[in-house]
C-alpha cells in the first residue's frame, strides 16, 4: 500500500469524522502518524492499520464476492449490452 503523508492521515481522519464515517483503513506504515491526530477524533473512529489488500477487503466488504463462471459472465455481459442498447434507443444514457 502507498504511504500517506502525515497531513494526509490527519486530514483524511478529520474528514471521515466530520462525514460520519466510523471506520478508517490506513496503511500500516502510517500507524506512527496517529499520534498527530486529536484524541477526540481518534476516540470517535475505529482506525484499522493494514498491510495487505486482502485485509482491506475483509474490513470493507460485508461478504466476499462469489466468482462467476465464464458462461455466467457471458450471459450477464450480453444482458447488460442489451439493456444499454434499449436505453440508447429510448434516448436515455446509462452512465453505470
PDB file of N, CA and C in Angstrom:
ATOM      1  N   UNK A   1       0.835  -1.175   0.000  1.00  0.00           N
ATOM      2  CA  UNK A   1       0.000   0.000   0.000  1.00  0.00           C
ATOM      3  C   UNK A   1       0.881   1.239   0.000  1.00  0.00           C
ATOM      4  N   UNK A   2       0.385   2.269  -0.576  1.00  0.00           N
ATOM      5  CA  UNK A   2       1.120   3.525  -0.593  1.00  0.00           C
ATOM      6  C   UNK A   2       1.011   4.191   0.770  1.00  0.00           C
ATOM      7  N   UNK A   3       2.073   4.818   1.179  1.00  0.00           N
ATOM      8  CA  UNK A   3       2.085   5.539   2.451  1.00  0.00           C
ATOM      9  C   UNK A   3       1.527   6.932   2.226  1.00  0.00           C
ATOM     10  N   UNK A   4       0.639   7.364   3.119  1.00  0.00           N
ATOM     11  CA  UNK A   4       0.084   8.717   3.042  1.00  0.00           C
ATOM     12  C   UNK A   4       1.017   9.686   3.747  1.00  0.00           C
ATOM     13  N   UNK A   5       1.002  10.923   3.331  1.00  0.00           N
ATOM     14  CA  UNK A   5       1.764  11.924   4.065  1.00  0.00           C
ATOM     15  C   UNK A   5       1.108  12.129   5.428  1.00  0.00           C
ATOM     16  N   UNK A   6       1.865  12.663   6.366  1.00  0.00           N
ATOM     17  CA  UNK A   6       1.310  12.872   7.695  1.00  0.00           C
ATOM     18  C   UNK A   6       0.068  13.746   7.636  1.00  0.00           C
ATOM     19  N   UNK A   7       0.126  14.832   6.887  1.00  0.00           N
ATOM     20  CA  UNK A   7      -1.054  15.693   6.780  1.00  0.00           C
ATOM     21  C   UNK A   7      -2.194  14.947   6.091  1.00  0.00           C
ATOM     22  N   UNK A   8      -1.853  13.954   5.257  1.00  0.00           N
ATOM     23  CA  UNK A   8      -2.876  13.146   4.604  1.00  0.00           C
ATOM     24  C   UNK A   8      -3.670  12.339   5.614  1.00  0.00           C
ATOM     25  N   UNK A   9      -2.984  11.695   6.563  1.00  0.00           N
ATOM     26  CA  UNK A   9      -3.669  10.908   7.585  1.00  0.00           C
ATOM     27  C   UNK A   9      -4.488  11.823   8.481  1.00  0.00           C
ATOM     28  N   UNK A  10      -3.902  12.924   8.900  1.00  0.00           N
ATOM     29  CA  UNK A  10      -4.643  13.867   9.752  1.00  0.00           C
ATOM     30  C   UNK A  10      -5.870  14.395   9.030  1.00  0.00           C
ATOM     31  N   UNK A  11      -5.670  14.834   7.807  1.00  0.00           N
ATOM     32  CA  UNK A  11      -6.778  15.408   7.034  1.00  0.00           C
ATOM     33  C   UNK A  11      -7.856  14.394   6.718  1.00  0.00           C
ATOM     34  N   UNK A  12      -7.445  13.195   6.317  1.00  0.00           N
ATOM     35  CA  UNK A  12      -8.425  12.166   5.962  1.00  0.00           C
ATOM     36  C   UNK A  12      -9.224  11.712   7.176  1.00  0.00           C
ATOM     37  N   UNK A  13      -8.584  11.559   8.325  1.00  0.00           N
ATOM     38  CA  UNK A  13      -9.328  11.147   9.513  1.00  0.00           C
ATOM     39  C   UNK A  13     -10.274  12.252   9.977  1.00  0.00           C
ATOM     40  N   UNK A  14      -9.838  13.503   9.875  1.00  0.00           N
ATOM     41  CA  UNK A  14     -10.717  14.620  10.248  1.00  0.00           C
ATOM     42  C   UNK A  14     -11.933  14.668   9.324  1.00  0.00           C
ATOM     43  N   UNK A  15     -11.709  14.484   8.008  1.00  0.00           N
ATOM     44  CA  UNK A  15     -12.830  14.490   7.059  1.00  0.00           C
ATOM     45  C   UNK A  15     -13.761  13.297   7.293  1.00  0.00           C
ATOM     46  N   UNK A  16     -13.198  12.147   7.605  1.00  0.00           N
ATOM     47  CA  UNK A  16     -14.021  10.974   7.900  1.00  0.00           C
ATOM     48  C   UNK A  16     -14.890  11.241   9.122  1.00  0.00           C
ATOM     49  N   UNK A  17     -14.298  11.813  10.155  1.00  0.00           N
ATOM     50  CA  UNK A  17     -15.036  12.133  11.389  1.00  0.00           C
ATOM     51  C   UNK A  17     -16.176  13.104  11.094  1.00  0.00           C
ATOM     52  N   UNK A  18     -15.881  14.180  10.370  1.00  0.00           N
ATOM     53  CA  UNK A  18     -16.922  15.166  10.023  1.00  0.00           C
ATOM     54  C   UNK A  18     -18.008  14.548   9.155  1.00  0.00           C
ATOM     55  N   UNK A  19     -17.639  13.596   8.311  1.00  0.00           N
ATOM     56  CA  UNK A  19     -18.589  12.965   7.410  1.00  0.00           C
ATOM     57  C   UNK A  19     -19.382  11.825   8.028  1.00  0.00           C
ATOM     58  N   UNK A  20     -19.127  11.524   9.280  1.00  0.00           N
ATOM     59  CA  UNK A  20     -19.886  10.478   9.960  1.00  0.00           C
ATOM     60  C   UNK A  20     -19.376   9.068   9.702  1.00  0.00           C
ATOM     61  N   UNK A  21     -18.209   8.942   9.105  1.00  0.00           N
ATOM     62  CA  UNK A  21     -17.622   7.626   8.872  1.00  0.00           C
ATOM     63  C   UNK A  21     -17.090   7.094  10.195  1.00  0.00           C
ATOM     64  N   UNK A  22     -17.311   5.819  10.443  1.00  0.00           N
ATOM     65  CA  UNK A  22     -16.928   5.221  11.732  1.00  0.00           C
ATOM     66  C   UNK A  22     -15.628   4.428  11.666  1.00  0.00           C
ATOM     67  N   UNK A  23     -15.309   3.852  10.502  1.00  0.00           N
ATOM     68  CA  UNK A  23     -14.114   3.023  10.367  1.00  0.00           C
ATOM     69  C   UNK A  23     -13.216   3.593   9.281  1.00  0.00           C
ATOM     70  N   UNK A  24     -11.937   3.747   9.594  1.00  0.00           N
ATOM     71  CA  UNK A  24     -10.962   4.275   8.646  1.00  0.00           C
ATOM     72  C   UNK A  24      -9.854   3.235   8.504  1.00  0.00           C
ATOM     73  N   UNK A  25      -9.522   2.921   7.259  1.00  0.00           N
ATOM     74  CA  UNK A  25      -8.453   1.965   6.975  1.00  0.00           C
ATOM     75  C   UNK A  25      -7.231   2.757   6.523  1.00  0.00           C
ATOM     76  N   UNK A  26      -6.106   2.514   7.175  1.00  0.00           N
ATOM     77  CA  UNK A  26      -4.870   3.218   6.814  1.00  0.00           C
ATOM     78  C   UNK A  26      -3.756   2.205   6.577  1.00  0.00           C
ATOM     79  N   UNK A  27      -2.763   2.578   5.784  1.00  0.00           N
ATOM     80  CA  UNK A  27      -1.599   1.694   5.642  1.00  0.00           C
ATOM     81  C   UNK A  27      -0.878   1.550   6.978  1.00  0.00           C
ATOM     82  N   UNK A  28      -0.391   0.359   7.241  1.00  0.00           N
ATOM     83  CA  UNK A  28       0.330   0.084   8.482  1.00  0.00           C
ATOM     84  C   UNK A  28       1.474   1.078   8.711  1.00  0.00           C
ATOM     85  N   UNK A  29       2.116   1.500   7.622  1.00  0.00           N
ATOM     86  CA  UNK A  29       3.236   2.443   7.730  1.00  0.00           C
ATOM     87  C   UNK A  29       2.811   3.793   8.317  1.00  0.00           C
ATOM     88  N   UNK A  30       1.517   4.092   8.260  1.00  0.00           N
ATOM     89  CA  UNK A  30       1.032   5.361   8.781  1.00  0.00           C
ATOM     90  C   UNK A  30       0.606   5.286  10.248  1.00  0.00           C
ATOM     91  N   UNK A  31       0.677   4.125  10.833  1.00  0.00           N
ATOM     92  CA  UNK A  31       0.239   3.973  12.213  1.00  0.00           C
ATOM     93  C   UNK A  31       0.976   4.930  13.147  1.00  0.00           C
ATOM     94  N   UNK A  32       2.244   5.173  12.871  1.00  0.00           N
ATOM     95  CA  UNK A  32       3.024   6.078  13.730  1.00  0.00           C
ATOM     96  C   UNK A  32       2.525   7.527  13.645  1.00  0.00           C
ATOM     97  N   UNK A  33       1.817   7.863  12.568  1.00  0.00           N
ATOM     98  CA  UNK A  33       1.296   9.226  12.411  1.00  0.00           C
ATOM     99  C   UNK A  33       0.022   9.468  13.215  1.00  0.00           C
ATOM    100  N   UNK A  34      -0.528   8.419  13.812  1.00  0.00           N
ATOM    101  CA  UNK A  34      -1.761   8.579  14.586  1.00  0.00           C
ATOM    102  C   UNK A  34      -1.571   9.486  15.792  1.00  0.00           C
ATOM    103  N   UNK A  35      -0.342   9.614  16.269  1.00  0.00           N
ATOM    104  CA  UNK A  35      -0.103  10.485  17.426  1.00  0.00           C
ATOM    105  C   UNK A  35      -0.405  11.945  17.104  1.00  0.00           C
ATOM    106  N   UNK A  36      -0.421  12.283  15.823  1.00  0.00           N
ATOM    107  CA  UNK A  36      -0.701  13.662  15.396  1.00  0.00           C
ATOM    108  C   UNK A  36      -2.197  13.971  15.335  1.00  0.00           C
ATOM    109  N   UNK A  37      -3.040  12.948  15.429  1.00  0.00           N
ATOM    110  CA  UNK A  37      -4.488  13.127  15.308  1.00  0.00           C
ATOM    111  C   UNK A  37      -5.063  13.451  16.682  1.00  0.00           C
ATOM    112  N   UNK A  38      -5.903  14.458  16.767  1.00  0.00           N
ATOM    113  CA  UNK A  38      -6.500  14.819  18.068  1.00  0.00           C
ATOM    114  C   UNK A  38      -7.244  13.628  18.690  1.00  0.00           C
ATOM    115  N   UNK A  39      -7.174  13.540  20.020  1.00  0.00           N
ATOM    116  CA  UNK A  39      -7.783  12.415  20.745  1.00  0.00           C
ATOM    117  C   UNK A  39      -9.282  12.306  20.496  1.00  0.00           C
ATOM    118  N   UNK A  40      -9.992  13.442  20.379  1.00  0.00           N
ATOM    119  CA  UNK A  40     -11.442  13.371  20.185  1.00  0.00           C
ATOM    120  C   UNK A  40     -11.786  12.704  18.845  1.00  0.00           C
ATOM    121  N   UNK A  41     -10.936  12.879  17.852  1.00  0.00           N
ATOM    122  CA  UNK A  41     -11.168  12.232  16.551  1.00  0.00           C
ATOM    123  C   UNK A  41     -10.799  10.760  16.643  1.00  0.00           C
ATOM    124  N   UNK A  42      -9.646  10.459  17.247  1.00  0.00           N
ATOM    125  CA  UNK A  42      -9.232   9.054  17.382  1.00  0.00           C
ATOM    126  C   UNK A  42     -10.255   8.240  18.166  1.00  0.00           C
ATOM    127  N   UNK A  43     -10.815   8.820  19.207  1.00  0.00           N
ATOM    128  CA  UNK A  43     -11.769   8.067  20.026  1.00  0.00           C
ATOM    129  C   UNK A  43     -13.107   7.852  19.311  1.00  0.00           C
ATOM    130  N   UNK A  44     -13.410   8.698  18.346  1.00  0.00           N
ATOM    131  CA  UNK A  44     -14.671   8.570  17.609  1.00  0.00           C
ATOM    132  C   UNK A  44     -14.570   7.617  16.422  1.00  0.00           C
ATOM    133  N   UNK A  45     -13.349   7.248  16.044  1.00  0.00           N
ATOM    134  CA  UNK A  45     -13.140   6.413  14.866  1.00  0.00           C
ATOM    135  C   UNK A  45     -12.544   5.069  15.248  1.00  0.00           C
ATOM    136  N   UNK A  46     -12.868   4.067  14.460  1.00  0.00           N
ATOM    137  CA  UNK A  46     -12.155   2.804  14.525  1.00  0.00           C
ATOM    138  C   UNK A  46     -11.115   2.863  13.413  1.00  0.00           C
ATOM    139  N   UNK A  47      -9.870   3.049  13.783  1.00  0.00           N
ATOM    140  CA  UNK A  47      -8.787   3.196  12.799  1.00  0.00           C
ATOM    141  C   UNK A  47      -8.102   1.841  12.669  1.00  0.00           C
ATOM    142  N   UNK A  48      -8.129   1.298  11.447  1.00  0.00           N
ATOM    143  CA  UNK A  48      -7.627  -0.053  11.199  1.00  0.00           C
ATOM    144  C   UNK A  48      -6.393  -0.011  10.302  1.00  0.00           C
ATOM    145  N   UNK A  49      -5.197  -0.115  10.876  1.00  0.00           N
ATOM    146  CA  UNK A  49      -3.987  -0.198  10.054  1.00  0.00           C
ATOM    147  C   UNK A  49      -3.911  -1.568   9.366  1.00  0.00           C
ATOM    148  N   UNK A  50      -3.579  -1.572   8.093  1.00  0.00           N
ATOM    149  CA  UNK A  50      -3.475  -2.826   7.339  1.00  0.00           C
ATOM    150  C   UNK A  50      -2.179  -2.858   6.548  1.00  0.00           C
ATOM    151  N   UNK A  51      -1.752  -4.062   6.247  1.00  0.00           N
ATOM    152  CA  UNK A  51      -0.541  -4.238   5.456  1.00  0.00           C
ATOM    153  C   UNK A  51      -0.847  -4.748   4.048  1.00  0.00           C
ATOM    154  N   UNK A  52      -1.896  -5.569   3.909  1.00  0.00           N
ATOM    155  CA  UNK A  52      -2.200  -6.224   2.648  1.00  0.00           C
ATOM    156  C   UNK A  52      -3.623  -5.911   2.184  1.00  0.00           C
ATOM    157  N   UNK A  53      -3.819  -5.958   0.879  1.00  0.00           N
ATOM    158  CA  UNK A  53      -5.125  -5.642   0.299  1.00  0.00           C
ATOM    159  C   UNK A  53      -6.200  -6.614   0.761  1.00  0.00           C
ATOM    160  N   UNK A  54      -5.866  -7.864   1.024  1.00  0.00           N
ATOM    161  CA  UNK A  54      -6.893  -8.795   1.488  1.00  0.00           C
ATOM    162  C   UNK A  54      -7.433  -8.381   2.857  1.00  0.00           C
ATOM    163  N   UNK A  55      -6.625  -7.700   3.660  1.00  0.00           N
ATOM    164  CA  UNK A  55      -7.109  -7.160   4.931  1.00  0.00           C
ATOM    165  C   UNK A  55      -8.130  -6.047   4.678  1.00  0.00           C
ATOM    166  N   UNK A  56      -7.863  -5.223   3.683  1.00  0.00           N
ATOM    167  CA  UNK A  56      -8.799  -4.149   3.323  1.00  0.00           C
ATOM    168  C   UNK A  56     -10.132  -4.760   2.911  1.00  0.00           C
ATOM    169  N   UNK A  57     -10.081  -5.774   2.064  1.00  0.00           N
ATOM    170  CA  UNK A  57     -11.314  -6.404   1.597  1.00  0.00           C
ATOM    171  C   UNK A  57     -12.092  -7.032   2.750  1.00  0.00           C
ATOM    172  N   UNK A  58     -11.402  -7.677   3.677  1.00  0.00           N
ATOM    173  CA  UNK A  58     -12.077  -8.271   4.840  1.00  0.00           C
ATOM    174  C   UNK A  58     -12.809  -7.220   5.669  1.00  0.00           C
ATOM    175  N   UNK A  59     -12.222  -6.048   5.791  1.00  0.00           N
ATOM    176  CA  UNK A  59     -12.827  -4.971   6.583  1.00  0.00           C
ATOM    177  C   UNK A  59     -13.944  -4.280   5.796  1.00  0.00           C
ATOM    178  N   UNK A  60     -13.689  -3.994   4.531  1.00  0.00           N
ATOM    179  CA  UNK A  60     -14.581  -3.136   3.756  1.00  0.00           C
ATOM    180  C   UNK A  60     -15.813  -3.847   3.195  1.00  0.00           C
ATOM    181  N   UNK A  61     -15.709  -5.137   2.922  1.00  0.00           N
ATOM    182  CA  UNK A  61     -16.822  -5.851   2.306  1.00  0.00           C
ATOM    183  C   UNK A  61     -17.641  -6.596   3.347  1.00  0.00           C
ATOM    184  N   UNK A  62     -18.951  -6.566   3.190  1.00  0.00           N
ATOM    185  CA  UNK A  62     -19.815  -7.332   4.081  1.00  0.00           C
ATOM    186  C   UNK A  62     -19.627  -8.824   3.867  1.00  0.00           C
ATOM    187  N   UNK A  63     -19.372  -9.203   2.627  1.00  0.00           N
ATOM    188  CA  UNK A  63     -19.097 -10.603   2.297  1.00  0.00           C
ATOM    189  C   UNK A  63     -18.203 -10.619   1.074  1.00  0.00           C
ATOM    190  N   UNK A  64     -17.424 -11.658   0.952  1.00  0.00           N
ATOM    191  CA  UNK A  64     -16.552 -11.783  -0.209  1.00  0.00           C
ATOM    192  C   UNK A  64     -17.414 -12.155  -1.420  1.00  0.00           C
ATOM    193  N   UNK A  65     -17.156 -11.545  -2.564  1.00  0.00           N
ATOM    194  CA  UNK A  65     -17.933 -11.880  -3.755  1.00  0.00           C
ATOM    195  C   UNK A  65     -17.662 -13.309  -4.209  1.00  0.00           C
ATOM    196  N   UNK A  66     -18.689 -13.923  -4.751  1.00  0.00           N
ATOM    197  CA  UNK A  66     -18.567 -15.274  -5.287  1.00  0.00           C
ATOM    198  C   UNK A  66     -18.110 -15.186  -6.736  1.00  0.00           C
ATOM    199  N   UNK A  67     -17.165 -16.003  -7.128  1.00  0.00           N
ATOM    200  CA  UNK A  67     -16.746 -15.982  -8.532  1.00  0.00           C
ATOM    201  C   UNK A  67     -17.874 -16.493  -9.433  1.00  0.00           C
ATOM    202  N   UNK A  68     -17.925 -15.972 -10.653  1.00  0.00           N
ATOM    203  CA  UNK A  68     -18.907 -16.444 -11.624  1.00  0.00           C
ATOM    204  C   UNK A  68     -18.177 -17.219 -12.709  1.00  0.00           C
ATOM    205  N   UNK A  69     -18.878 -18.171 -13.277  1.00  0.00           N
ATOM    206  CA  UNK A  69     -18.285 -18.966 -14.346  1.00  0.00           C
ATOM    207  C   UNK A  69     -18.198 -18.123 -15.617  1.00  0.00           C
ATOM    208  N   UNK A  70     -17.423 -18.599 -16.568  1.00  0.00           N
ATOM    209  CA  UNK A  70     -17.320 -17.902 -17.857  1.00  0.00           C
ATOM    210  C   UNK A  70     -18.682 -17.795 -18.528  1.00  0.00           C
ATOM    211  N   UNK A  71     -19.470 -18.842 -18.421  1.00  0.00           N
ATOM    212  CA  UNK A  71     -20.810 -18.839 -19.041  1.00  0.00           C
ATOM    213  C   UNK A  71     -21.714 -17.807 -18.367  1.00  0.00           C
ATOM    214  N   UNK A  72     -21.687 -17.749 -17.021  1.00  0.00           N
ATOM    215  CA  UNK A  72     -22.479 -16.741 -16.309  1.00  0.00           C
ATOM    216  C   UNK A  72     -22.034 -15.327 -16.707  1.00  0.00           C
ATOM    217  N   UNK A  73     -20.716 -15.127 -16.809  1.00  0.00           N
ATOM    218  CA  UNK A  73     -20.184 -13.825 -17.181  1.00  0.00           C
ATOM    219  C   UNK A  73     -20.670 -13.425 -18.573  1.00  0.00           C
ATOM    220  N   UNK A  74     -20.639 -14.365 -19.500  1.00  0.00           N
ATOM    221  CA  UNK A  74     -21.095 -14.096 -20.866  1.00  0.00           C
ATOM    222  C   UNK A  74     -22.571 -13.712 -20.862  1.00  0.00           C
ATOM    223  N   UNK A  75     -23.389 -14.446 -20.125  1.00  0.00           N
ATOM    224  CA  UNK A  75     -24.824 -14.151 -20.043  1.00  0.00           C
ATOM    225  C   UNK A  75     -25.060 -12.764 -19.450  1.00  0.00           C
ATOM    226  N   UNK A  76     -24.370 -12.456 -18.358  1.00  0.00           N
ATOM    227  CA  UNK A  76     -24.529 -11.143 -17.716  1.00  0.00           C
ATOM    228  C   UNK A  76     -24.075 -10.021 -18.641  1.00  0.00           C
ATOM    229  N   UNK A  77     -22.979 -10.223 -19.350  1.00  0.00           N
ATOM    230  CA  UNK A  77     -22.463  -9.214 -20.279  1.00  0.00           C
ATOM    231  C   UNK A  77     -23.439  -8.961 -21.415  1.00  0.00           C
ATOM    232  N   UNK A  78     -23.999 -10.040 -21.950  1.00  0.00           N
ATOM    233  CA  UNK A  78     -24.975  -9.892 -23.037  1.00  0.00           C
ATOM    234  C   UNK A  78     -26.226  -9.156 -22.557  1.00  0.00           C
ATOM    235  N   UNK A  79     -26.684  -9.493 -21.361  1.00  0.00           N
ATOM    236  CA  UNK A  79     -27.861  -8.826 -20.789  1.00  0.00           C
ATOM    237  C   UNK A  79     -27.589  -7.332 -20.609  1.00  0.00           C
ATOM    238  N   UNK A  80     -26.430  -6.991 -20.083  1.00  0.00           N
ATOM    239  CA  UNK A  80     -26.077  -5.581 -19.888  1.00  0.00           C
ATOM    240  C   UNK A  80     -25.990  -4.842 -21.218  1.00  0.00           C
ATOM    241  N   UNK A  81     -25.419  -5.483 -22.227  1.00  0.00           N
ATOM    242  CA  UNK A  81     -25.318  -4.863 -23.552  1.00  0.00           C
ATOM    243  C   UNK A  81     -26.703  -4.635 -24.138  1.00  0.00           C
ATOM    244  N   UNK A  82     -27.611  -5.606 -23.989  1.00  0.00           N
ATOM    245  CA  UNK A  82     -28.987  -5.458 -24.481  1.00  0.00           C
ATOM    246  C   UNK A  82     -29.697  -4.300 -23.787  1.00  0.00           C
ATOM    247  N   UNK A  83     -29.542  -4.198 -22.476  1.00  0.00           N
ATOM    248  CA  UNK A  83     -30.173  -3.114 -21.716  1.00  0.00           C
ATOM    249  C   UNK A  83     -29.617  -1.756 -22.139  1.00  0.00           C
ATOM    250  N   UNK A  84     -28.322  -1.688 -22.373  1.00  0.00           N
ATOM    251  CA  UNK A  84     -27.704  -0.433 -22.810  1.00  0.00           C
ATOM    252  C   UNK A  84     -28.221  -0.037 -24.185  1.00  0.00           C
ATOM    253  N   UNK A  85     -28.368  -1.011 -25.081  1.00  0.00           N
ATOM    254  CA  UNK A  85     -28.877  -0.716 -26.425  1.00  0.00           C
ATOM    255  C   UNK A  85     -30.315  -0.214 -26.358  1.00  0.00           C
ATOM    256  N   UNK A  86     -31.139  -0.840 -25.511  1.00  0.00           N
ATOM    257  CA  UNK A  86     -32.538  -0.378 -25.363  1.00  0.00           C
ATOM    258  C   UNK A  86     -32.589   1.039 -24.798  1.00  0.00           C
ATOM    259  N   UNK A  87     -31.756   1.316 -23.824  1.00  0.00           N
ATOM    260  CA  UNK A  87     -31.719   2.666 -23.249  1.00  0.00           C
ATOM    261  C   UNK A  87     -31.301   3.690 -24.292  1.00  0.00           C
ATOM    262  N   UNK A  88     -30.310   3.346 -25.102  1.00  0.00           N
ATOM    263  CA  UNK A  88     -29.849   4.265 -26.145  1.00  0.00           C
ATOM    264  C   UNK A  88     -30.948   4.514 -27.166  1.00  0.00           C
ATOM    265  N   UNK A  89     -31.690   3.464 -27.519  1.00  0.00           N
ATOM    266  CA  UNK A  89     -32.795   3.617 -28.474  1.00  0.00           C
ATOM    267  C   UNK A  89     -33.880   4.531 -27.929  1.00  0.00           C
ATOM    268  N   UNK A  90     -34.069   4.520 -26.620  1.00  0.00           N
ATOM    269  CA  UNK A  90     -35.096   5.338 -25.989  1.00  0.00           C
ATOM    270  C   UNK A  90     -34.572   6.733 -25.625  1.00  0.00           C
ATOM    271  N   UNK A  91     -33.344   7.008 -25.997  1.00  0.00           N
ATOM    272  CA  UNK A  91     -32.772   8.325 -25.725  1.00  0.00           C
ATOM    273  C   UNK A  91     -32.265   8.505 -24.314  1.00  0.00           C
ATOM    274  N   UNK A  92     -32.177   7.423 -23.559  1.00  0.00           N
ATOM    275  CA  UNK A  92     -31.641   7.506 -22.200  1.00  0.00           C
ATOM    276  C   UNK A  92     -30.193   7.048 -22.235  1.00  0.00           C
ATOM    277  N   UNK A  93     -29.401   7.671 -21.400  1.00  0.00           N
ATOM    278  CA  UNK A  93     -27.993   7.284 -21.302  1.00  0.00           C
ATOM    279  C   UNK A  93     -27.773   6.749 -19.899  1.00  0.00           C
ATOM    280  N   UNK A  94     -27.269   5.531 -19.812  1.00  0.00           N
ATOM    281  CA  UNK A  94     -26.948   4.922 -18.531  1.00  0.00           C
ATOM    282  C   UNK A  94     -25.436   5.039 -18.336  1.00  0.00           C
ATOM    283  N   UNK A  95     -25.032   5.758 -17.308  1.00  0.00           N
ATOM    284  CA  UNK A  95     -23.595   6.001 -17.110  1.00  0.00           C
ATOM    285  C   UNK A  95     -22.925   4.963 -16.235  1.00  0.00           C
ATOM    286  N   UNK A  96     -23.697   4.017 -15.701  1.00  0.00           N
ATOM    287  CA  UNK A  96     -23.073   2.983 -14.861  1.00  0.00           C
ATOM    288  C   UNK A  96     -23.899   1.739 -14.833  1.00  0.00           C
TER     289      UNK A  96
END
